[in-house]
Structure formats: structure tokens, C-alpha cells
Protein backbone atom coordinates (compact mmCIF):
# COMPACT_ATOMS: atom_id res chain seq x y z
CA MET A 1 46.71 -63.31 40.71
CA ALA A 2 45.69 -59.93 41.69
CA PRO A 3 44.32 -59.44 45.41
CA TRP A 4 40.38 -58.94 45.88
CA PRO A 5 39.28 -56.24 46.16
CA PRO A 6 41.62 -54.32 43.60
CA ASP A 7 41.81 -51.15 45.90
CA SER A 8 43.13 -51.89 49.47
CA SER A 9 41.86 -48.58 50.89
CA GLY A 10 38.60 -50.16 51.54
CA VAL A 11 36.43 -47.57 49.87
CA PRO A 12 34.82 -49.71 47.33
CA ALA A 13 33.60 -52.18 50.18
CA VAL A 14 32.47 -49.37 52.22
CA LEU A 15 30.28 -47.66 49.23
CA ALA A 16 28.81 -50.79 47.28
CA ALA A 17 25.36 -51.50 47.96
CA SER A 18 24.71 -54.51 50.61
CA ARG A 19 21.24 -55.03 49.86
CA PRO A 20 20.15 -57.42 46.84
CA GLY A 21 17.68 -55.91 44.68
CA PRO A 22 16.37 -54.89 41.37
CA ASP A 23 19.24 -52.23 40.69
CA SER A 24 20.42 -54.06 37.35
CA SER A 25 16.50 -53.64 36.26
CA LEU A 26 17.37 -49.59 36.00
CA ALA A 27 19.05 -49.83 32.61
CA PRO A 28 15.53 -50.85 30.64
CA LEU A 29 13.97 -47.96 32.50
CA ILE A 30 16.98 -45.43 31.93
CA ALA A 31 16.98 -46.58 27.98
CA ALA A 32 13.17 -46.28 27.61
CA ALA A 33 13.46 -42.57 28.89
CA VAL A 34 16.76 -41.39 27.07
CA LEU A 35 16.88 -43.23 23.56
CA PRO A 36 13.47 -41.07 22.38
CA LEU A 37 15.08 -38.14 23.67
CA ALA A 38 18.63 -38.81 22.04
CA ALA A 39 17.53 -39.15 18.26
CA GLY A 40 20.23 -41.69 17.45
CA SER A 41 23.04 -39.94 18.75
CA ASP A 42 25.35 -42.07 21.23
CA ALA A 43 26.72 -38.73 22.63
CA GLU A 44 23.45 -37.28 23.21
CA ALA A 45 22.15 -40.60 24.89
CA VAL A 46 25.36 -40.57 27.29
CA ALA A 47 24.55 -37.15 28.40
CA LEU A 48 20.99 -37.39 29.02
CA ALA A 49 21.90 -40.49 30.72
CA GLY A 50 24.58 -38.92 32.81
CA MET A 51 22.15 -35.89 33.59
CA LEU A 52 19.51 -38.27 34.72
CA ALA A 53 21.89 -40.14 36.99
CA ILE A 54 22.96 -36.85 38.82
CA LEU A 55 19.58 -35.55 39.37
CA SER A 56 18.50 -38.83 40.59
CA GLY A 57 21.40 -38.87 42.88
CA LEU A 58 20.45 -35.04 44.16
CA LEU A 59 16.83 -36.32 44.79
CA CYS A 60 18.06 -38.98 46.72
CA VAL A 61 20.16 -37.10 48.83
CA LEU A 62 17.47 -34.23 49.45
CA ALA A 63 14.97 -36.71 50.47
CA GLY A 64 17.70 -38.60 52.84
CA LEU A 65 18.15 -35.18 54.45
CA ALA A 66 14.28 -34.74 54.54
CA ARG A 67 14.13 -37.90 56.39
CA PHE A 68 12.13 -39.71 54.29
CA GLY A 69 13.79 -42.86 54.32
CA PHE A 70 10.79 -44.37 55.94
CA ILE A 71 8.76 -44.37 52.67
CA ALA A 72 10.87 -47.44 51.56
CA GLY A 73 9.63 -49.51 54.26
CA LEU A 74 5.88 -49.16 53.05
CA LEU A 75 6.99 -50.94 49.90
CA SER A 76 5.26 -54.24 49.94
CA LYS A 77 6.19 -57.75 47.93
CA PRO A 78 3.39 -56.95 45.47
CA VAL A 79 4.57 -53.37 45.29
CA ARG A 80 8.24 -54.69 44.33
CA TYR A 81 6.70 -57.44 41.79
CA GLY A 82 4.70 -54.78 40.36
CA TYR A 83 7.47 -52.89 39.54
CA MET A 84 9.81 -56.11 38.27
CA ASN A 85 6.69 -56.96 35.92
CA GLY A 86 6.69 -53.26 34.76
CA ILE A 87 10.32 -53.39 34.02
CA ALA A 88 9.42 -56.93 31.78
CA LEU A 89 6.95 -55.11 30.13
CA THR A 90 8.77 -52.36 29.35
CA VAL A 91 11.35 -54.57 27.72
CA GLN A 92 9.06 -56.33 25.81
CA ARG A 93 7.41 -53.53 24.31
CA TRP A 94 10.87 -51.87 23.36
CA SER A 95 12.18 -54.81 21.74
CA SER A 96 9.27 -55.72 19.68
CA VAL A 97 9.35 -52.05 18.32
CA SER A 98 12.94 -51.61 17.87
CA PRO A 99 15.09 -54.98 18.09
CA ALA A 100 18.29 -53.10 17.18
CA CYS A 101 18.13 -50.90 20.12
CA TRP A 102 18.66 -54.17 22.50
């Protein structure tokens, strides 16, 4: 049996997220933003999703350098529940419009 983690340098353990959260809920939002712009092209969808990821990462780095981390503490439970409900409504809307997309 292979050892876990597969990389013994410890880099994945250091870079991995330690807090549980709605990270997997980003996929429907990215799909909702990218699919209409991709016009059916898989290569275009991958390029747009990659560009969105890079721009989001740059924005997060800039916010960190500007010390805007305190804003995350202002998000209450109702705001997070509203976010998750928005994800559910987005998935429901897109799956009812085009079931083939999901």
C-alpha cells in the first residue's frame, strides 16, 4: 500500500485548507459564469475557468496584502446560509434550463 500522503515533502499538508467550508460549492458558480461565455467549446470553457481562477487568486493576494482579512470575520451564519441557498438556486435554475450541462 502506498504511504499517505503520497508526497513525503509535506508540501501538500502545508498548502491544504484546514477549515471546512463551502469550497465545493464554487464549481456551480464557475460553471454558471463560464458556460454561457464558452459557447459550447470545451477548450474555451477551460481557458475561461483558468483565467477566472488566476484573477480570483490575484485578488485574494491583493486583499491579503491590504490587510482586508478582517472582513471575513464579519460574515455571520445567516450570510453563509444565504450563500449556500444561492448556490442551490443557481444549480436548480441551470439544471432546469439545460439538463445536459450537468
